[in-house]
Structure formats: structure tokens, C-alpha cells
Amino acid sequence: MQTNNTRALIFGISGQDGAYLAELLLSRGIEVHGTSRDIETSDFLSLRTLGINDKVKLHSVMLTDFRNVITVLKSVRPRYIYNLAAQSSVMLSFDQPVETIDSIMHGTINLMEAIRFLDLDARFYNACSSECFGNTDQPATDMTRFRPRSPYAVGKAAAFWAVANYREAYGLFACSGILFNHESPLRPLRYVTQKIVRGAMDIAEGQMSTLELGNLDLSRDWGWAPEYVDAMRRMLEFERPEDFVIATGTTNSLKDFVATSFSAFGLDWTRHVRTSNVYRRPTDIQVSCGNPEKARRLLGWKATLHMRQVVERLVVAERERRLTHC
């Protein structure tokens, strides 16, 4: 079956990465299609926030329904396929392990089977996660051993190896991007970075006096989401399918993230932040850091915004959001 060289299909377009990726691809003249489980009930807030909701073509798709996947691929006939859909909360995965792993693995296999079944000349991107590595004693590369510490990470690790298997067994142009933490104003409030920034601003405005968080001694490699989706785009435009770690290469503690966020509002975080075991996971990653050298060398990609710049942008965006809603 023939494909359209300027057409992309994004599964999970309503999330942070899906929306920024759609915006990027549209700016490059690519026709963008996207899916959600039910386009009639989805609000597509991220797309509306970026002002592109009327520029993408939307389809209702359940990735666990193979016939549904086949139908949309036959209809759209994309050149680029991005799999960003699945249950994405690490904390929720402990409460819903079967549903989480199934949503990740089942959808990924269905997509690759459909590409193979239809003999599509398409390039497939799979969203993997730094959670697969567990604790990183050294900055992780795509060759670093996986030690997943959550059901979410188990599902992502299995999907990574499924992609590698289909690439080797059937010659699919299929690759995985192993993305470390990447933030933006499009993150929902359940993400701790948004909770921190909004909490600090609420305290500065006198709406509350304290903010409860979990373990502040965790360290993460934080980047800026709009930069990371450009790495996804570069992976599918590269001459051959390769897996890449996408990260800044620098690590900061959650305590540093909190301090930076509160200082932006002239606040001493130690006076307002309390820790609670309620927000602790059964198992967690103490240190997470990636080595993006391969992406720099082969894709020409490098993160320019690190934790402090990310916080600055989140603060500016939150201030603008509140002014808009006043």
C-alpha cells in the first residue's frame, strides 16, 4: 500500500507530547492526523491551548482493538506513525498494573502487526521511558541494562524489546525514544512539577500556606518538552531505525526543583513545604540521568534548556494562565 510522504499519524495526540509534536509537524508542512479513544468526549485541551485543534484531523481509535487500528491506518495511510498513547502515570500503575501493562504492550504490538499486515511503507516511533532503567549509577545510554521499578516501567521495557524484535524479524523501520523527564505548561496537575509551581504561586498569592509533597531527595534529569518532540521527529527522519536516549545529561534533586520554583516567587520553600508518605510509591527511583551523546552525534539534537530554565518557563506560563483566567 502506498503512503503519503507528508502525512503523520499520532496516537495519543491529546497529551503533552502529542500536542507539541503535532504543532512541530504542522510547522514543517506535514499533514497531521491524531487519535483519541473517543473524539466526541475528549476536550483536546492541549491542542486548543496551542491553537491547532482545527488544523489536525482526528480519529476515534482504541489501540487494543486490532480491527480499529487496521481501519485507521488504511484510511490515513501515513508515512510517519507515532505511538504516544497509553496509561502514563507511574503512581497509578501500582494501583492498576494489569491495565497499565496491557495498554502499553497491547497497543504497541497491534500497531506493528497492522503495519506489517498492510505492508505499509511507514516509519514507526515508540515512546519509551527512562523509568525502564531504574536507578542510574552512570548516565544511561540505549545500551544500559533495564531494571524497571514500577508496572509502568515493566510495560515500557517490554514494549521496547517488542519494537526491537519487529525491527530485526520483519525489517520494520521501528525505533524507540527513551525519554527522560520533560516538562511544559501542558502537563496536568497530577505531575509533581506542575503541583510544585502552582503550589508556590498559590502560597505567594495567599491562597494556601503549605504544600505537601513526597520524597524530596529524588534526583531527575529534567528537560523541556517542545525540544524533546523535535528529537522524535529527527528519529523518524534519520537514515535508519535506531533507539535513542533523549535527556539533558544533567541531574537535579526534587529539593532543588522546589527551591528554584519557590524562589521565583520570593519564598523560602522550607517554611511552606511538608513531606508526607501518602505521596511515596511502593518502589521509586532515587537517581535518574541520561546520556544524550548518541542523539547529539547522529541526530544533531541537543537540549538547550535545563532544570532552572524549565522552571522559569513554567512560572511564566502559570502567571500568564492566571492572568487569562482573571
Protein backbone atom coordinates (compact mmCIF):
# COMPACT_ATOMS: atom_id res chain seq x y z
CA MET A 1 0.00 0.00 0.00
CA GLN A 2 1.30 3.45 -0.88
CA THR A 3 1.80 6.10 1.79
CA ASN A 4 1.78 9.87 1.84
CA ASN A 5 5.31 11.18 2.44
CA THR A 6 3.96 14.30 4.15
CA ARG A 7 1.35 12.67 6.40
CA ALA A 8 1.78 11.73 10.05
CA LEU A 9 -0.49 9.86 12.43
CA ILE A 10 -0.08 10.50 16.16
CA PHE A 11 -1.65 8.00 18.55
CA GLY A 12 -2.27 9.85 21.80
CA ILE A 13 -2.34 13.34 20.29
CA SER A 14 -4.27 14.84 23.20
CA GLY A 15 -1.37 14.61 25.65
CA GLN A 16 1.54 16.99 26.20
CA ASP A 17 3.93 15.33 23.75
CA GLY A 18 1.26 14.64 21.16
CA ALA A 19 0.19 18.28 21.07
CA TYR A 20 3.71 19.70 20.81
CA LEU A 21 4.64 17.11 18.20
CA ALA A 22 1.56 18.00 16.15
CA GLU A 23 2.47 21.68 16.34
CA LEU A 24 6.02 20.95 15.19
CA LEU A 25 4.99 18.72 12.29
CA LEU A 26 2.38 21.23 11.11
CA SER A 27 5.04 23.94 11.08
CA ARG A 28 7.05 21.72 8.73
CA GLY A 29 4.19 21.35 6.26
CA ILE A 30 3.20 17.84 7.30
CA GLU A 31 -0.46 16.83 7.30
CA VAL A 32 -1.23 15.69 10.83
CA HIS A 33 -3.81 13.14 11.93
CA GLY A 34 -4.32 12.19 15.55
CA THR A 35 -6.25 9.73 17.63
CA SER A 36 -8.02 9.59 20.95
CA ARG A 37 -10.24 6.90 22.40
CA ASP A 38 -13.35 8.99 21.79
CA ILE A 39 -13.02 12.28 19.94
CA GLU A 40 -16.61 13.17 20.79
CA THR A 41 -15.91 13.30 24.52
CA SER A 42 -12.24 14.37 24.57
CA ASP A 43 -11.71 18.08 25.20
CA PHE A 44 -8.30 18.21 23.43
CA LEU A 45 -7.30 20.99 25.81
CA SER A 46 -3.61 20.77 24.86
CA LEU A 47 -4.40 21.20 21.17
CA ARG A 48 -6.71 24.10 21.94
CA THR A 49 -4.09 25.72 24.17
CA LEU A 50 -1.63 25.66 21.26
CA GLY A 51 -4.31 26.90 18.86
CA ILE A 52 -4.05 23.93 16.50
CA ASN A 53 -7.18 21.91 17.29
CA ASP A 54 -8.76 22.88 13.95
CA LYS A 55 -5.59 22.08 11.99
CA VAL A 56 -5.38 18.36 12.75
CA LYS A 57 -7.67 15.57 11.59
CA LEU A 58 -8.93 13.48 14.48
CA HIS A 59 -10.00 9.84 14.69
CA SER A 60 -11.50 7.73 17.45
CA VAL A 61 -9.27 4.70 18.00
CA MET A 62 -8.89 2.04 20.68
CA LEU A 63 -5.36 0.69 20.35
CA THR A 64 -6.39 -2.58 21.96
CA ASP A 65 -8.85 -3.19 19.11
CA PHE A 66 -6.82 -4.57 16.19
CA ARG A 67 -9.61 -4.05 13.67
CA ASN A 68 -9.90 -0.43 14.77
CA VAL A 69 -6.15 0.07 14.28
CA ILE A 70 -6.20 -1.54 10.85
CA THR A 71 -9.10 0.67 9.77
CA VAL A 72 -7.45 3.97 10.70
CA LEU A 73 -4.11 3.01 9.14
CA LYS A 74 -5.80 2.02 5.89
CA SER A 75 -7.74 5.28 5.89
CA VAL A 76 -4.90 7.67 6.71
CA ARG A 77 -2.00 5.83 5.03
CA PRO A 78 0.66 7.76 6.97
CA ARG A 79 4.36 7.92 6.32
CA TYR A 80 5.13 8.60 9.98
CA ILE A 81 3.43 6.84 12.88
CA TYR A 82 3.99 7.97 16.46
CA ASN A 83 2.80 5.79 19.34
CA LEU A 84 2.39 8.11 22.33
CA ALA A 85 -0.78 6.53 23.70
CA ALA A 86 -1.09 4.50 26.93
CA GLN A 87 -1.70 4.92 30.64
CA SER A 88 1.14 7.26 31.57
CA SER A 89 1.01 7.69 35.36
CA VAL A 90 3.71 5.77 37.23
CA MET A 91 1.86 6.14 40.54
CA LEU A 92 -1.43 4.91 39.05
CA SER A 93 0.33 1.89 37.57
CA PHE A 94 0.81 0.47 41.07
CA ASP A 95 -2.97 0.55 41.57
CA GLN A 96 -3.75 -0.62 38.02
CA PRO A 97 -0.83 -2.85 36.99
CA VAL A 98 -2.67 -5.13 34.56
CA GLU A 99 -4.47 -2.29 32.80
CA THR A 100 -1.26 -0.26 32.57
CA ILE A 101 0.93 -3.00 31.14
CA ASP A 102 -1.82 -4.12 28.76
CA SER A 103 -2.41 -0.59 27.46
CA ILE A 104 1.30 -0.21 26.70
CA MET A 105 2.09 -3.64 25.27
CA HIS A 106 -1.17 -4.48 23.51
CA GLY A 107 -1.32 -1.18 21.65
CA THR A 108 2.33 -1.32 20.58
CA ILE A 109 2.01 -4.86 19.21
CA ASN A 110 -1.27 -4.05 17.44
CA LEU A 111 0.32 -1.09 15.67
CA MET A 112 3.34 -3.02 14.45
CA GLU A 113 1.24 -6.00 13.42
CA ALA A 114 -1.05 -3.67 11.46
CA ILE A 115 1.91 -2.05 9.70
CA ARG A 116 3.21 -5.49 8.79
CA PHE A 117 -0.23 -6.83 7.78
CA LEU A 118 -0.91 -3.85 5.50
CA ASP A 119 2.66 -3.81 4.19
CA LEU A 120 2.80 -0.09 4.88
CA ASP A 121 5.89 1.82 3.85
CA ALA A 122 5.78 3.67 7.16
CA ARG A 123 8.20 4.67 9.89
CA PHE A 124 7.17 3.84 13.45
CA TYR A 125 8.14 5.69 16.64
CA ASN A 126 7.52 4.14 20.04
CA ALA A 127 7.52 6.24 23.20
CA CYS A 128 9.75 4.50 25.71
CA SER A 129 10.71 5.90 29.11
CA SER A 130 13.69 6.49 31.36
CA GLU A 131 11.68 4.64 34.03
CA CYS A 132 12.89 1.43 32.36
CA PHE A 133 16.42 1.97 33.69
CA GLY A 134 15.52 2.25 37.34
CA ASN A 135 18.37 3.84 39.29
CA THR A 136 21.22 5.05 37.08
CA ASP A 137 24.65 4.90 38.71
CA GLN A 138 26.03 6.38 35.49
CA PRO A 139 24.16 8.43 32.85
CA ALA A 140 22.19 5.86 30.86
CA THR A 141 22.57 5.13 27.15
CA ASP A 142 20.43 2.97 24.88
CA MET A 143 22.72 0.06 25.83
CA THR A 144 22.25 0.41 29.59
CA ARG A 145 20.57 -2.51 31.31
CA PHE A 146 16.88 -2.12 32.21
CA ARG A 147 15.85 -2.50 35.86
CA PRO A 148 12.19 -1.33 35.93
CA ARG A 149 10.77 -0.42 39.34
CA SER A 150 7.07 0.04 38.55
CA PRO A 151 4.37 -1.72 36.48
CA TYR A 152 4.53 1.26 34.12
CA ALA A 153 8.25 0.73 33.59
CA VAL A 154 7.76 -3.03 33.12
CA GLY A 155 5.27 -2.34 30.33
CA LYS A 156 7.56 0.21 28.67
CA ALA A 157 10.55 -2.14 28.86
CA ALA A 158 8.55 -4.97 27.27
CA ALA A 159 7.33 -2.67 24.51
CA PHE A 160 10.92 -1.54 23.84
CA TRP A 161 12.02 -5.13 23.23
CA ALA A 162 8.94 -5.84 21.12
CA VAL A 163 9.91 -2.93 18.85
CA ALA A 164 13.47 -4.24 18.61
CA ASN A 165 12.13 -7.69 17.74
CA TYR A 166 9.86 -6.42 14.96
CA ARG A 167 12.69 -4.32 13.58
CA GLU A 168 15.01 -7.32 13.41
CA ALA A 169 12.49 -10.00 12.45
CA TYR A 170 10.44 -8.14 9.84
CA GLY A 171 12.61 -5.24 8.75
CA LEU A 172 10.23 -2.59 10.04
CA PHE A 173 11.51 0.94 10.37
CA ALA A 174 10.67 0.93 14.06
CA CYS A 175 12.51 2.72 16.85
CA SER A 176 12.09 3.75 20.46
CA GLY A 177 12.84 7.08 22.04
CA ILE A 178 13.88 6.61 25.67
CA LEU A 179 12.88 10.00 27.02
CA PHE A 180 13.87 11.29 30.42
CA ASN A 181 11.63 13.70 32.32
CA HIS A 182 10.42 16.55 30.16
CA GLU A 183 8.01 19.22 31.32
CA SER A 184 5.81 22.01 29.98
CA PRO A 185 2.69 24.01 30.88
CA LEU A 186 0.65 21.29 29.18
CA ARG A 187 1.41 18.79 31.95
CA PRO A 188 -1.71 18.03 34.04
CA LEU A 189 -1.72 18.89 37.74
CA ARG A 190 -1.09 15.27 38.81
CA TYR A 191 2.54 15.70 37.72
CA VAL A 192 4.66 16.85 40.63
CA THR A 193 6.39 19.62 38.65
CA GLN A 194 3.07 21.33 37.97
CA LYS A 195 1.94 20.76 41.53
CA ILE A 196 5.08 22.48 42.81
CA VAL A 197 4.89 25.53 40.55
CA ARG A 198 1.17 26.05 41.07
CA GLY A 199 1.51 25.42 44.79
CA ALA A 200 4.27 28.00 45.12
CA MET A 201 2.17 30.57 43.30
CA ASP A 202 -0.90 29.78 45.42
CA ILE A 203 1.18 30.35 48.55
CA ALA A 204 2.61 33.60 47.16
CA GLU A 205 -0.94 34.80 46.48
CA GLY A 206 -2.13 33.80 49.95
CA GLN A 207 -4.47 31.07 48.73
CA MET A 208 -2.78 28.47 50.95
CA SER A 209 0.11 28.27 53.39
CA THR A 210 1.67 24.84 52.91
CA LEU A 211 2.32 22.33 50.14
CA GLU A 212 2.54 18.59 50.79
CA LEU A 213 4.97 16.53 48.71
CA GLY A 214 6.62 13.11 48.87
CA ASN A 215 10.32 12.25 48.91
CA LEU A 216 12.35 15.37 48.07
CA ASP A 217 15.68 13.56 47.86
CA LEU A 218 14.94 12.04 44.46
CA SER A 219 17.04 13.30 41.54
CA ARG A 220 15.87 13.61 37.95
CA ASP A 221 17.10 14.75 34.54
CA TRP A 222 14.56 17.45 33.59
CA GLY A 223 14.19 18.89 30.10
CA TRP A 224 11.73 20.96 28.06
CA ALA A 225 9.04 19.00 26.21
CA PRO A 226 8.94 21.06 22.97
CA GLU A 227 12.64 20.28 22.49
CA TYR A 228 12.11 16.58 23.13
CA VAL A 229 9.42 16.14 20.47
CA ASP A 230 11.90 17.51 17.93
CA ALA A 231 14.10 14.54 18.80
CA MET A 232 11.16 12.23 17.99
CA ARG A 233 10.80 13.88 14.61
CA ARG A 234 14.52 13.51 13.90
CA MET A 235 14.44 9.81 14.76
CA LEU A 236 11.90 9.06 12.06
CA GLU A 237 13.74 11.19 9.52
CA PHE A 238 17.08 9.51 10.23
CA GLU A 239 18.50 7.20 7.57
CA ARG A 240 17.96 4.02 9.62
CA PRO A 241 15.91 2.94 12.63
CA GLU A 242 17.85 3.43 15.87
CA ASP A 243 16.91 3.72 19.54
CA PHE A 244 17.96 6.91 21.31
CA VAL A 245 18.19 8.26 24.84
CA ILE A 246 16.80 11.81 24.97
CA ALA A 247 17.92 13.78 28.01
CA THR A 248 19.81 16.87 29.12
CA GLY A 249 22.63 14.89 30.71
CA THR A 250 22.32 16.85 33.98
CA THR A 251 20.59 15.81 37.19
CA ASN A 252 18.98 17.85 39.97
CA SER A 253 17.20 16.81 43.12
CA LEU A 254 13.50 17.39 43.58
CA LYS A 255 14.51 19.57 46.51
CA ASP A 256 16.44 21.81 44.07
CA PHE A 257 13.40 21.95 41.79
CA VAL A 258 11.24 23.01 44.74
CA ALA A 259 13.74 25.63 45.92
CA THR A 260 14.07 27.10 42.42
CA SER A 261 10.28 27.26 41.99
CA PHE A 262 9.64 28.93 45.35
CA SER A 263 12.49 31.42 44.94
CA ALA A 264 10.83 32.62 41.72
CA PHE A 265 8.07 33.98 43.97
CA GLY A 266 10.42 35.29 46.66
CA LEU A 267 9.61 32.43 49.02
CA ASP A 268 11.71 30.24 51.32
CA TRP A 269 10.43 26.76 50.50
CA THR A 270 11.49 25.32 53.87
CA ARG A 271 8.77 27.40 55.53
CA HIS A 272 5.98 26.08 53.36
CA VAL A 273 6.73 22.53 52.17
CA ARG A 274 5.83 19.45 54.17
CA THR A 275 6.56 15.85 53.23
CA SER A 276 4.06 13.02 53.51
CA ASN A 277 4.31 9.27 52.99
CA VAL A 278 0.96 9.46 51.17
CA TYR A 279 2.85 10.54 48.03
CA ARG A 280 5.55 7.88 48.22
CA ARG A 281 5.49 5.00 45.72
CA PRO A 282 5.98 1.37 46.82
CA THR A 283 9.30 1.46 44.93
CA ASP A 284 10.90 4.53 43.43
CA ILE A 285 13.96 5.67 41.54
CA GLN A 286 16.47 7.65 43.61
CA VAL A 287 18.65 8.92 40.76
CA SER A 288 17.74 9.16 37.08
CA CYS A 289 20.12 10.63 34.49
CA GLY A 290 20.57 10.11 30.77
CA ASN A 291 23.47 10.33 28.34
CA PRO A 292 22.23 12.04 25.12
CA GLU A 293 25.56 11.79 23.28
CA LYS A 294 24.23 9.40 20.61
CA ALA A 295 21.38 11.79 19.77
CA ARG A 296 23.82 14.68 19.52
CA ARG A 297 26.21 12.72 17.33
CA LEU A 298 23.72 11.10 14.94
CA LEU A 299 20.66 13.36 15.04
CA GLY A 300 22.29 16.70 15.71
CA TRP A 301 19.95 17.07 18.70
CA LYS A 302 20.91 18.69 22.00
CA ALA A 303 18.81 20.02 24.86
CA THR A 304 19.31 23.75 25.40
CA LEU A 305 17.02 24.16 28.42
CA HIS A 306 17.87 22.53 31.75
CA MET A 307 16.08 22.43 35.09
CA ARG A 308 16.36 26.09 36.06
CA GLN A 309 15.29 27.31 32.62
CA VAL A 310 12.43 24.82 32.64
CA VAL A 311 11.21 26.17 35.99
CA GLU A 312 11.47 29.76 34.71
CA ARG A 313 9.26 28.91 31.74
CA LEU A 314 6.74 27.04 33.85
CA VAL A 315 6.46 30.02 36.20
CA VAL A 316 5.95 32.46 33.33
CA ALA A 317 3.32 30.20 31.78
CA GLU A 318 1.45 29.83 35.08
CA ARG A 319 1.41 33.59 35.59
CA GLU A 320 0.03 34.07 32.08
CA ARG A 321 -2.58 31.35 32.63
CA ARG A 322 -3.87 33.06 35.75
CA LEU A 323 -4.00 36.46 34.12
CA THR A 324 -6.00 34.97 31.25
CA HIS A 325 -8.50 33.42 33.67
CA CYS A 326 -8.89 36.51 35.85
